Amino acid sequence: MQEHEQDSELREQMSGYKRMRRQHQKQLMTLENKLKAEMDEHRLRLDKDLETQRNNFAAEMEKLIKKHQAAMEKEAKVMSNEEKKFQQHIQAQQKKELNSFLESQKREYKLRKEQLKEELNENQSTPKKEKQEWLSKQKENIQHFQAEEEANLLRRQRQYLELECRRFKRRMLLGRHNLEQDLVREVSLSDEKF
């Protein structure tokens, strides 16, 4: 009887233990499911935040790229206008120089022609036809010499213009390169923020 009571008590304890164990497992499963749901919710919130950040970054980058393109286009226009002004300035100076040179040549031609006529008039023994031929040959020589001088001046002016334009373009390209470097640094900095 005593043994039977002990067995019965033991069975009761065992079933109580089993019941408690099932309750604990149930509670554990509930807690695990709750935590899994919280983790999933947290992961979704983080994924959403990440997507928002990516979209913001993409929008910022797009804005920055447009800003940079506008800056580069503006710089290109400014460069083009500056180059035209620079060329026009040099060409205006060269035109003045050429006009002055041509005026000087005209005066020199007249003066030389007068000198030649005087030389011819001093020598009365030479026939008139011969004098005319000699005079026109001298005029031709002077004109040929002056044409060569003018061609030399024009060549020097063209070379000077080309050289100065190359120097100007080099300075402008260096400025553009520096601007591009600044813009790249700006993109890199904003890239690091995200």
N, C-alpha and C. Protein backbone atom coordinates (compact mmCIF):
# COMPACT_ATOMS: atom_id res chain seq x y z
N MET A 1 0.83 -1.17 0.00
CA MET A 1 0.00 0.00 0.00
C MET A 1 0.89 1.25 0.00
N GLN A 2 1.84 1.19 0.87
CA GLN A 2 2.78 2.30 0.95
C GLN A 2 3.49 2.46 -0.39
N GLU A 3 3.90 1.34 -0.96
CA GLU A 3 4.58 1.38 -2.26
C GLU A 3 3.66 1.95 -3.31
N HIS A 4 2.40 1.54 -3.26
CA HIS A 4 1.43 2.01 -4.24
C HIS A 4 1.26 3.52 -4.11
N GLU A 5 1.20 4.01 -2.87
CA GLU A 5 1.07 5.44 -2.63
C GLU A 5 2.30 6.19 -3.16
N GLN A 6 3.47 5.60 -2.91
CA GLN A 6 4.69 6.25 -3.40
C GLN A 6 4.68 6.28 -4.92
N ASP A 7 4.27 5.15 -5.54
CA ASP A 7 4.18 5.13 -7.01
C ASP A 7 3.20 6.18 -7.49
N SER A 8 2.10 6.27 -6.83
CA SER A 8 1.07 7.23 -7.22
C SER A 8 1.60 8.66 -7.06
N GLU A 9 2.27 8.92 -5.95
CA GLU A 9 2.88 10.25 -5.73
C GLU A 9 3.93 10.55 -6.80
N LEU A 10 4.73 9.53 -7.07
CA LEU A 10 5.78 9.68 -8.06
C LEU A 10 5.17 9.97 -9.44
N ARG A 11 4.09 9.23 -9.75
CA ARG A 11 3.41 9.47 -11.03
C ARG A 11 2.83 10.88 -11.09
N GLU A 12 2.26 11.30 -9.97
CA GLU A 12 1.70 12.63 -9.90
C GLU A 12 2.80 13.68 -10.08
N GLN A 13 3.90 13.46 -9.40
CA GLN A 13 5.04 14.38 -9.54
C GLN A 13 5.51 14.39 -10.98
N MET A 14 5.61 13.19 -11.57
CA MET A 14 6.08 13.07 -12.94
C MET A 14 5.14 13.80 -13.89
N SER A 15 3.83 13.59 -13.70
CA SER A 15 2.89 14.26 -14.60
C SER A 15 2.94 15.77 -14.38
N GLY A 16 3.11 16.20 -13.11
CA GLY A 16 3.27 17.63 -12.81
C GLY A 16 4.51 18.19 -13.48
N TYR A 17 5.57 17.38 -13.40
CA TYR A 17 6.83 17.80 -14.04
C TYR A 17 6.64 17.91 -15.55
N LYS A 18 5.95 16.88 -16.15
CA LYS A 18 5.70 16.90 -17.58
C LYS A 18 4.84 18.10 -17.97
N ARG A 19 3.80 18.34 -17.15
CA ARG A 19 2.92 19.49 -17.40
C ARG A 19 3.73 20.79 -17.35
N MET A 20 4.55 20.91 -16.32
CA MET A 20 5.40 22.10 -16.18
C MET A 20 6.34 22.24 -17.37
N ARG A 21 6.90 21.10 -17.77
CA ARG A 21 7.84 21.11 -18.91
C ARG A 21 7.13 21.56 -20.18
N ARG A 22 5.89 21.04 -20.40
CA ARG A 22 5.12 21.45 -21.58
C ARG A 22 4.81 22.95 -21.52
N GLN A 23 4.45 23.44 -20.32
CA GLN A 23 4.17 24.88 -20.16
C GLN A 23 5.42 25.71 -20.49
N HIS A 24 6.55 25.24 -19.95
CA HIS A 24 7.82 25.96 -20.21
C HIS A 24 8.15 25.96 -21.70
N GLN A 25 7.95 24.78 -22.34
CA GLN A 25 8.24 24.70 -23.78
C GLN A 25 7.29 25.62 -24.56
N LYS A 26 6.01 25.62 -24.12
CA LYS A 26 5.03 26.48 -24.77
C LYS A 26 5.44 27.95 -24.61
N GLN A 27 5.80 28.31 -23.36
CA GLN A 27 6.24 29.69 -23.09
C GLN A 27 7.50 30.01 -23.91
N LEU A 28 8.43 29.05 -23.95
CA LEU A 28 9.67 29.24 -24.70
C LEU A 28 9.36 29.46 -26.19
N MET A 29 8.46 28.64 -26.75
CA MET A 29 8.08 28.79 -28.16
C MET A 29 7.42 30.15 -28.41
N THR A 30 6.54 30.54 -27.49
CA THR A 30 5.86 31.84 -27.59
C THR A 30 6.89 32.96 -27.57
N LEU A 31 7.83 32.86 -26.61
CA LEU A 31 8.87 33.89 -26.49
C LEU A 31 9.75 33.91 -27.75
N GLU A 32 10.14 32.71 -28.24
CA GLU A 32 10.96 32.65 -29.46
C GLU A 32 10.21 33.25 -30.64
N ASN A 33 8.92 32.91 -30.78
CA ASN A 33 8.12 33.47 -31.88
C ASN A 33 8.00 34.99 -31.77
N LYS A 34 7.81 35.46 -30.53
CA LYS A 34 7.71 36.91 -30.29
C LYS A 34 9.03 37.60 -30.69
N LEU A 35 10.15 37.01 -30.23
CA LEU A 35 11.46 37.59 -30.54
C LEU A 35 11.75 37.53 -32.05
N LYS A 36 11.37 36.42 -32.69
CA LYS A 36 11.57 36.29 -34.14
C LYS A 36 10.77 37.36 -34.88
N ALA A 37 9.52 37.56 -34.43
CA ALA A 37 8.67 38.59 -35.04
C ALA A 37 9.30 39.98 -34.86
N GLU A 38 9.81 40.25 -33.63
CA GLU A 38 10.47 41.54 -33.37
C GLU A 38 11.71 41.70 -34.25
N MET A 39 12.49 40.60 -34.39
CA MET A 39 13.69 40.66 -35.24
C MET A 39 13.31 40.93 -36.69
N ASP A 40 12.27 40.22 -37.17
CA ASP A 40 11.82 40.44 -38.55
C ASP A 40 11.36 41.88 -38.75
N GLU A 41 10.60 42.37 -37.77
CA GLU A 41 10.12 43.76 -37.83
C GLU A 41 11.30 44.73 -37.84
N HIS A 42 12.26 44.47 -36.96
CA HIS A 42 13.46 45.33 -36.87
C HIS A 42 14.25 45.28 -38.19
N ARG A 43 14.41 44.06 -38.75
CA ARG A 43 15.13 43.90 -40.02
C ARG A 43 14.40 44.67 -41.14
N LEU A 44 13.06 44.54 -41.17
CA LEU A 44 12.28 45.27 -42.18
C LEU A 44 12.46 46.77 -42.04
N ARG A 45 12.42 47.26 -40.77
CA ARG A 45 12.60 48.69 -40.53
C ARG A 45 14.00 49.14 -40.98
N LEU A 46 15.03 48.32 -40.67
CA LEU A 46 16.39 48.64 -41.10
C LEU A 46 16.52 48.62 -42.62
N ASP A 47 15.91 47.61 -43.27
CA ASP A 47 15.93 47.54 -44.73
C ASP A 47 15.26 48.76 -45.34
N LYS A 48 14.14 49.14 -44.73
CA LYS A 48 13.41 50.33 -45.22
C LYS A 48 14.27 51.58 -45.05
N ASP A 49 14.89 51.71 -43.88
CA ASP A 49 15.79 52.85 -43.64
C ASP A 49 16.93 52.87 -44.64
N LEU A 50 17.51 51.68 -44.88
CA LEU A 50 18.62 51.58 -45.83
C LEU A 50 18.16 52.01 -47.23
N GLU A 51 17.00 51.54 -47.64
CA GLU A 51 16.47 51.89 -48.96
C GLU A 51 16.21 53.40 -49.05
N THR A 52 15.67 53.97 -47.97
CA THR A 52 15.44 55.42 -47.93
C THR A 52 16.76 56.18 -48.06
N GLN A 53 17.77 55.71 -47.30
CA GLN A 53 19.09 56.35 -47.36
C GLN A 53 19.67 56.24 -48.78
N ARG A 54 19.54 55.06 -49.38
CA ARG A 54 20.05 54.88 -50.75
C ARG A 54 19.34 55.82 -51.72
N ASN A 55 18.02 55.90 -51.59
CA ASN A 55 17.27 56.80 -52.47
C ASN A 55 17.67 58.26 -52.26
N ASN A 56 17.84 58.64 -50.99
CA ASN A 56 18.28 60.01 -50.69
C ASN A 56 19.66 60.27 -51.29
N PHE A 57 20.54 59.29 -51.12
CA PHE A 57 21.89 59.42 -51.66
C PHE A 57 21.85 59.55 -53.18
N ALA A 58 21.05 58.68 -53.82
CA ALA A 58 20.93 58.73 -55.29
C ALA A 58 20.40 60.09 -55.73
N ALA A 59 19.40 60.61 -55.01
CA ALA A 59 18.84 61.92 -55.36
C ALA A 59 19.89 63.02 -55.16
N GLU A 60 20.62 62.95 -54.04
CA GLU A 60 21.68 63.94 -53.79
C GLU A 60 22.76 63.88 -54.87
N MET A 61 23.14 62.65 -55.23
CA MET A 61 24.17 62.49 -56.26
C MET A 61 23.68 63.04 -57.60
N GLU A 62 22.43 62.77 -57.92
CA GLU A 62 21.84 63.27 -59.17
C GLU A 62 21.87 64.80 -59.19
N LYS A 63 21.47 65.38 -58.03
CA LYS A 63 21.49 66.84 -57.91
C LYS A 63 22.90 67.39 -58.08
N LEU A 64 23.84 66.71 -57.41
CA LEU A 64 25.24 67.12 -57.46
C LEU A 64 25.79 67.01 -58.89
N ILE A 65 25.46 65.92 -59.57
CA ILE A 65 25.93 65.73 -60.95
C ILE A 65 25.37 66.82 -61.86
N LYS A 66 24.07 67.13 -61.70
CA LYS A 66 23.45 68.20 -62.51
C LYS A 66 24.12 69.54 -62.22
N LYS A 67 24.39 69.77 -60.93
CA LYS A 67 25.06 71.02 -60.54
C LYS A 67 26.44 71.10 -61.20
N HIS A 68 27.16 69.97 -61.18
CA HIS A 68 28.50 69.93 -61.76
C HIS A 68 28.45 70.11 -63.28
N GLN A 69 27.46 69.47 -63.91
CA GLN A 69 27.32 69.63 -65.36
C GLN A 69 27.05 71.09 -65.71
N ALA A 70 26.18 71.71 -64.93
CA ALA A 70 25.87 73.13 -65.16
C ALA A 70 27.12 73.98 -64.97
N ALA A 71 27.89 73.67 -63.93
CA ALA A 71 29.13 74.42 -63.67
C ALA A 71 30.12 74.24 -64.82
N MET A 72 30.24 73.00 -65.33
CA MET A 72 31.17 72.74 -66.42
C MET A 72 30.71 73.42 -67.71
N GLU A 73 29.39 73.40 -67.97
CA GLU A 73 28.87 74.07 -69.16
C GLU A 73 29.10 75.58 -69.07
N LYS A 74 28.85 76.11 -67.89
CA LYS A 74 29.08 77.56 -67.68
C LYS A 74 30.56 77.89 -67.89
N GLU A 75 31.42 77.04 -67.33
CA GLU A 75 32.87 77.24 -67.47
C GLU A 75 33.28 77.17 -68.95
N ALA A 76 32.68 76.22 -69.69
CA ALA A 76 33.01 76.08 -71.12
C ALA A 76 32.58 77.33 -71.89
N LYS A 77 31.39 77.86 -71.56
CA LYS A 77 30.92 79.09 -72.23
C LYS A 77 31.84 80.26 -71.90
N VAL A 78 32.18 80.37 -70.63
CA VAL A 78 33.07 81.47 -70.21
C VAL A 78 34.41 81.34 -70.93
N MET A 79 34.93 80.11 -70.98
CA MET A 79 36.21 79.88 -71.67
C MET A 79 36.13 80.29 -73.13
N SER A 80 35.05 79.88 -73.78
CA SER A 80 34.87 80.18 -75.20
C SER A 80 34.80 81.69 -75.42
N ASN A 81 34.01 82.37 -74.58
CA ASN A 81 33.89 83.83 -74.71
C ASN A 81 35.22 84.53 -74.42
N GLU A 82 35.90 84.07 -73.38
CA GLU A 82 37.19 84.66 -73.04
C GLU A 82 38.20 84.48 -74.17
N GLU A 83 38.18 83.28 -74.75
CA GLU A 83 39.12 83.01 -75.85
C GLU A 83 38.82 83.92 -77.05
N LYS A 84 37.52 84.07 -77.38
CA LYS A 84 37.14 84.96 -78.49
C LYS A 84 37.60 86.39 -78.21
N LYS A 85 37.32 86.86 -76.98
CA LYS A 85 37.73 88.23 -76.62
C LYS A 85 39.24 88.39 -76.74
N PHE A 86 39.96 87.37 -76.23
CA PHE A 86 41.42 87.41 -76.26
C PHE A 86 41.92 87.49 -77.70
N GLN A 87 41.36 86.61 -78.56
CA GLN A 87 41.75 86.61 -79.97
C GLN A 87 41.43 87.95 -80.63
N GLN A 88 40.23 88.46 -80.37
CA GLN A 88 39.82 89.74 -80.96
C GLN A 88 40.75 90.86 -80.51
N HIS A 89 41.14 90.83 -79.25
CA HIS A 89 42.04 91.86 -78.73
C HIS A 89 43.37 91.83 -79.49
N ILE A 90 43.94 90.63 -79.61
CA ILE A 90 45.22 90.51 -80.32
C ILE A 90 45.05 90.90 -81.79
N GLN A 91 43.96 90.44 -82.42
CA GLN A 91 43.74 90.75 -83.82
C GLN A 91 43.55 92.25 -84.04
N ALA A 92 42.88 92.92 -83.10
CA ALA A 92 42.71 94.38 -83.20
C ALA A 92 44.07 95.07 -83.12
N GLN A 93 44.91 94.62 -82.18
CA GLN A 93 46.26 95.19 -82.06
C GLN A 93 47.05 94.96 -83.35
N GLN A 94 46.94 93.74 -83.87
CA GLN A 94 47.69 93.40 -85.08
C GLN A 94 47.18 94.19 -86.29
N LYS A 95 45.88 94.44 -86.32
CA LYS A 95 45.32 95.23 -87.43
C LYS A 95 45.87 96.65 -87.38
N LYS A 96 45.92 97.22 -86.16
CA LYS A 96 46.51 98.56 -86.00
C LYS A 96 47.96 98.56 -86.47
N GLU A 97 48.69 97.53 -86.02
CA GLU A 97 50.11 97.41 -86.39
C GLU A 97 50.26 97.31 -87.91
N LEU A 98 49.41 96.51 -88.56
CA LEU A 98 49.47 96.33 -90.00
C LEU A 98 49.13 97.63 -90.72
N ASN A 99 48.07 98.32 -90.26
CA ASN A 99 47.70 99.60 -90.89
C ASN A 99 48.82 100.61 -90.77
N SER A 100 49.41 100.68 -89.59
CA SER A 100 50.53 101.59 -89.36
C SER A 100 51.70 101.22 -90.29
N PHE A 101 51.96 99.92 -90.40
CA PHE A 101 53.04 99.43 -91.27
C PHE A 101 52.77 99.80 -92.73
N LEU A 102 51.51 99.60 -93.18
CA LEU A 102 51.16 99.90 -94.57
C LEU A 102 51.26 101.41 -94.85
N GLU A 103 50.84 102.21 -93.87
CA GLU A 103 50.97 103.68 -94.02
C GLU A 103 52.45 104.06 -94.14
N SER A 104 53.24 103.47 -93.28
CA SER A 104 54.68 103.73 -93.30
C SER A 104 55.27 103.32 -94.65
N GLN A 105 54.82 102.18 -95.18
CA GLN A 105 55.32 101.72 -96.49
C GLN A 105 54.92 102.67 -97.61
N LYS A 106 53.67 103.16 -97.53
CA LYS A 106 53.21 104.12 -98.55
C LYS A 106 54.09 105.37 -98.55
N ARG A 107 54.33 105.90 -97.34
CA ARG A 107 55.17 107.10 -97.23
C ARG A 107 56.57 106.82 -97.77
N GLU A 108 57.10 105.66 -97.37
CA GLU A 108 58.44 105.28 -97.81
C GLU A 108 58.49 105.11 -99.34
N TYR A 109 57.42 104.52 -99.90
CA TYR A 109 57.35 104.31 -101.35
C TYR A 109 57.34 105.67 -102.08
N LYS A 110 56.51 106.59 -101.58
CA LYS A 110 56.45 107.93 -102.21
C LYS A 110 57.80 108.62 -102.13
N LEU A 111 58.39 108.57 -100.93
CA LEU A 111 59.68 109.22 -100.72
C LEU A 111 60.74 108.63 -101.65
N ARG A 112 60.76 107.30 -101.71
CA ARG A 112 61.76 106.62 -102.56
C ARG A 112 61.52 106.94 -104.04
N LYS A 113 60.25 106.99 -104.44
CA LYS A 113 59.90 107.31 -105.82
C LYS A 113 60.40 108.72 -106.18
N GLU A 114 60.18 109.64 -105.23
CA GLU A 114 60.65 111.02 -105.46
C GLU A 114 62.18 111.04 -105.58
N GLN A 115 62.86 110.30 -104.73
CA GLN A 115 64.32 110.25 -104.79
C GLN A 115 64.80 109.70 -106.13
N LEU A 116 64.11 108.65 -106.59
CA LEU A 116 64.48 108.05 -107.88
C LEU A 116 64.27 109.05 -109.02
N LYS A 117 63.17 109.78 -108.99
CA LYS A 117 62.90 110.77 -110.03
C LYS A 117 63.98 111.85 -110.04
N GLU A 118 64.36 112.26 -108.84
CA GLU A 118 65.42 113.28 -108.74
C GLU A 118 66.73 112.76 -109.33
N GLU A 119 67.04 111.49 -109.00
CA GLU A 119 68.25 110.88 -109.55
C GLU A 119 68.20 110.86 -111.08
N LEU A 120 67.04 110.54 -111.62
CA LEU A 120 66.89 110.49 -113.08
C LEU A 120 67.01 111.87 -113.69
N ASN A 121 66.44 112.85 -113.03
CA ASN A 121 66.48 114.22 -113.56
C ASN A 121 67.90 114.80 -113.54
N GLU A 122 68.71 114.31 -112.59
CA GLU A 122 70.09 114.79 -112.53
C GLU A 122 70.88 114.31 -113.75
N ASN A 123 70.56 113.14 -114.21
CA ASN A 123 71.27 112.57 -115.35
C ASN A 123 70.48 112.86 -116.63
N GLN A 124 70.84 113.96 -117.33
CA GLN A 124 70.10 114.41 -118.50
C GLN A 124 70.45 113.63 -119.75
N SER A 125 71.57 112.97 -119.77
CA SER A 125 72.02 112.30 -121.00
C SER A 125 71.26 111.01 -121.30
N THR A 126 70.60 110.43 -120.31
CA THR A 126 69.89 109.16 -120.52
C THR A 126 68.58 109.44 -121.27
N PRO A 127 68.27 108.61 -122.29
CA PRO A 127 67.02 108.81 -123.03
C PRO A 127 65.79 108.60 -122.13
N LYS A 128 64.70 109.23 -122.51
CA LYS A 128 63.49 109.23 -121.70
C LYS A 128 62.92 107.82 -121.54
N LYS A 129 62.92 107.05 -122.62
CA LYS A 129 62.37 105.70 -122.57
C LYS A 129 63.16 104.83 -121.59
N GLU A 130 64.45 104.97 -121.65
CA GLU A 130 65.32 104.21 -120.75
C GLU A 130 65.07 104.61 -119.31
N LYS A 131 64.89 105.94 -119.10
CA LYS A 131 64.60 106.44 -117.76
C LYS A 131 63.31 105.82 -117.23
N GLN A 132 62.26 105.79 -118.09
CA GLN A 132 60.96 105.22 -117.69
C GLN A 132 61.08 103.74 -117.32
N GLU A 133 61.82 103.01 -118.16
CA GLU A 133 62.01 101.58 -117.90
C GLU A 133 62.74 101.36 -116.57
N TRP A 134 63.80 102.15 -116.39
CA TRP A 134 64.58 102.03 -115.15
C TRP A 134 63.70 102.37 -113.93
N LEU A 135 62.93 103.46 -114.07
CA LEU A 135 62.06 103.91 -112.97
C LEU A 135 61.01 102.85 -112.64
N SER A 136 60.36 102.28 -113.68
CA SER A 136 59.33 101.27 -113.38
C SER A 136 59.98 100.01 -112.79
N LYS A 137 61.20 99.68 -113.22
CA LYS A 137 61.89 98.52 -112.64
C LYS A 137 62.20 98.78 -111.16
N GLN A 138 62.66 99.99 -110.85
CA GLN A 138 62.94 100.36 -109.45
C GLN A 138 61.66 100.33 -108.60
N LYS A 139 60.57 100.87 -109.18
CA LYS A 139 59.28 100.85 -108.45
C LYS A 139 58.86 99.40 -108.18
N GLU A 140 59.03 98.56 -109.19
CA GLU A 140 58.67 97.15 -109.06
C GLU A 140 59.49 96.49 -107.94
N ASN A 141 60.80 96.80 -107.92
CA ASN A 141 61.68 96.25 -106.88
C ASN A 141 61.21 96.69 -105.48
N ILE A 142 60.89 97.98 -105.38
CA ILE A 142 60.44 98.51 -104.09
C ILE A 142 59.14 97.81 -103.67
N GLN A 143 58.21 97.69 -104.63
CA GLN A 143 56.92 97.05 -104.32
C GLN A 143 57.13 95.58 -103.92
N HIS A 144 58.01 94.91 -104.62
CA HIS A 144 58.30 93.50 -104.31
C HIS A 144 58.89 93.38 -102.89
N PHE A 145 59.84 94.26 -102.58
CA PHE A 145 60.47 94.26 -101.26
C PHE A 145 59.42 94.54 -100.17
N GLN A 146 58.55 95.53 -100.44
CA GLN A 146 57.52 95.88 -99.45
C GLN A 146 56.51 94.74 -99.28
N ALA A 147 56.18 94.06 -100.37
CA ALA A 147 55.25 92.93 -100.30
C ALA A 147 55.85 91.81 -99.45
N GLU A 148 57.16 91.58 -99.62
CA GLU A 148 57.84 90.56 -98.80
C GLU A 148 57.81 90.95 -97.32
N GLU A 149 58.08 92.23 -97.06
CA GLU A 149 58.06 92.70 -95.67
C GLU A 149 56.67 92.54 -95.05
N GLU A 150 55.64 92.88 -95.86
CA GLU A 150 54.27 92.74 -95.38
C GLU A 150 53.96 91.27 -95.10
N ALA A 151 54.37 90.38 -96.02
CA ALA A 151 54.14 88.94 -95.84
C ALA A 151 54.85 88.45 -94.58
N ASN A 152 56.08 88.93 -94.35
CA ASN A 152 56.83 88.55 -93.13
C ASN A 152 56.09 89.02 -91.88
N LEU A 153 55.60 90.27 -91.93
CA LEU A 153 54.86 90.80 -90.78
C LEU A 153 53.62 89.95 -90.52
N LEU A 154 52.87 89.64 -91.58
CA LEU A 154 51.65 88.84 -91.43
C LEU A 154 51.98 87.45 -90.88
N ARG A 155 53.07 86.85 -91.33
CA ARG A 155 53.48 85.54 -90.84
C ARG A 155 53.83 85.62 -89.35
N ARG A 156 54.62 86.66 -88.98
CA ARG A 156 54.97 86.82 -87.55
C ARG A 156 53.72 87.03 -86.70
N GLN A 157 52.78 87.84 -87.23
CA GLN A 157 51.55 88.09 -86.48
C GLN A 157 50.75 86.80 -86.30
N ARG A 158 50.66 85.99 -87.36
CA ARG A 158 49.91 84.74 -87.28
C ARG A 158 50.56 83.81 -86.26
N GLN A 159 51.90 83.72 -86.31
CA GLN A 159 52.62 82.86 -85.36
C GLN A 159 52.41 83.33 -83.92
N TYR A 160 52.48 84.65 -83.74
CA TYR A 160 52.28 85.23 -82.41
C TYR A 160 50.86 84.92 -81.91
N LEU A 161 49.87 85.10 -82.79
CA LEU A 161 48.48 84.83 -82.42
C LEU A 161 48.30 83.35 -82.03
N GLU A 162 48.85 82.46 -82.84
CA GLU A 162 48.74 81.02 -82.54
C GLU A 162 49.39 80.69 -81.20
N LEU A 163 50.59 81.24 -80.98
CA LEU A 163 51.32 80.98 -79.73
C LEU A 163 50.53 81.49 -78.53
N GLU A 164 50.06 82.73 -78.62
CA GLU A 164 49.33 83.32 -77.49
C GLU A 164 48.01 82.59 -77.25
N CYS A 165 47.36 82.15 -78.32
CA CYS A 165 46.10 81.41 -78.16
C CYS A 165 46.36 80.06 -77.49
N ARG A 166 47.47 79.42 -77.86
CA ARG A 166 47.81 78.14 -77.20
C ARG A 166 48.10 78.37 -75.71
N ARG A 167 48.83 79.43 -75.42
CA ARG A 167 49.12 79.74 -74.00
C ARG A 167 47.82 80.01 -73.24
N PHE A 168 46.94 80.79 -73.87
CA PHE A 168 45.67 81.14 -73.25
C PHE A 168 44.85 79.88 -73.00
N LYS A 169 44.77 79.00 -74.02
CA LYS A 169 44.01 77.76 -73.88
C LYS A 169 44.59 76.89 -72.77
N ARG A 170 45.93 76.85 -72.70
CA ARG A 170 46.58 76.05 -71.65
C ARG A 170 46.16 76.56 -70.27
N ARG A 171 46.20 77.89 -70.09
CA ARG A 171 45.79 78.46 -68.80
C ARG A 171 44.33 78.12 -68.50
N MET A 172 43.48 78.26 -69.53
CA MET A 172 42.05 77.98 -69.34
C MET A 172 41.83 76.49 -69.03
N LEU A 173 42.55 75.61 -69.72
CA LEU A 173 42.39 74.17 -69.48
C LEU A 173 42.87 73.79 -68.07
N LEU A 174 43.94 74.45 -67.62
CA LEU A 174 44.40 74.19 -66.25
C LEU A 174 43.33 74.63 -65.25
N GLY A 175 42.72 75.77 -65.51
CA GLY A 175 41.64 76.24 -64.64
C GLY A 175 40.47 75.27 -64.66
N ARG A 176 40.13 74.78 -65.85
CA ARG A 176 39.03 73.81 -65.98
C ARG A 176 39.39 72.51 -65.25
N HIS A 177 40.63 72.08 -65.39
CA HIS A 177 41.08 70.86 -64.71
C HIS A 177 40.96 71.02 -63.20
N ASN A 178 41.37 72.19 -62.68
CA ASN A 178 41.26 72.44 -61.24
C ASN A 178 39.81 72.42 -60.79
N LEU A 179 38.93 73.01 -61.62
CA LEU A 179 37.50 72.99 -61.29
C LEU A 179 36.99 71.55 -61.25
N GLU A 180 37.38 70.75 -62.25
CA GLU A 180 36.95 69.35 -62.28
C GLU A 180 37.45 68.61 -61.04
N GLN A 181 38.70 68.88 -60.63
CA GLN A 181 39.24 68.23 -59.44
C GLN A 181 38.43 68.62 -58.19
N ASP A 182 38.06 69.90 -58.09
CA ASP A 182 37.25 70.35 -56.96
C ASP A 182 35.90 69.64 -56.96
N LEU A 183 35.30 69.50 -58.14
CA LEU A 183 34.00 68.84 -58.23
C LEU A 183 34.11 67.36 -57.87
N VAL A 184 35.19 66.73 -58.30
CA VAL A 184 35.40 65.30 -57.97
C VAL A 184 35.58 65.15 -56.46
N ARG A 185 36.32 66.08 -55.85
CA ARG A 185 36.50 66.03 -54.39
C ARG A 185 35.14 66.20 -53.68
N GLU A 186 34.34 67.09 -54.21
CA GLU A 186 33.01 67.32 -53.62
C GLU A 186 32.17 66.04 -53.70
N VAL A 187 32.22 65.34 -54.85
CA VAL A 187 31.48 64.09 -54.99
C VAL A 187 32.03 63.05 -54.02
N SER A 188 33.36 62.97 -53.91
CA SER A 188 33.97 62.00 -53.00
C SER A 188 33.54 62.25 -51.55
N LEU A 189 33.51 63.52 -51.17
CA LEU A 189 33.11 63.86 -49.80
C LEU A 189 31.67 63.48 -49.54
N SER A 190 30.80 63.78 -50.50
CA SER A 190 29.38 63.44 -50.28
C SER A 190 29.19 61.93 -50.35
N ASP A 191 30.06 61.24 -51.10
CA ASP A 191 30.01 59.78 -51.18
C ASP A 191 30.38 59.18 -49.82
N GLU A 192 31.35 59.79 -49.14
CA GLU A 192 31.80 59.29 -47.84
C GLU A 192 30.72 59.47 -46.78
N LYS A 193 29.89 60.51 -46.94
CA LYS A 193 28.83 60.75 -45.94
C LYS A 193 27.85 59.59 -45.91
N PHE A 194 27.62 59.02 -47.10
CA PHE A 194 26.65 57.94 -47.17
C PHE A 194 27.35 56.61 -47.09
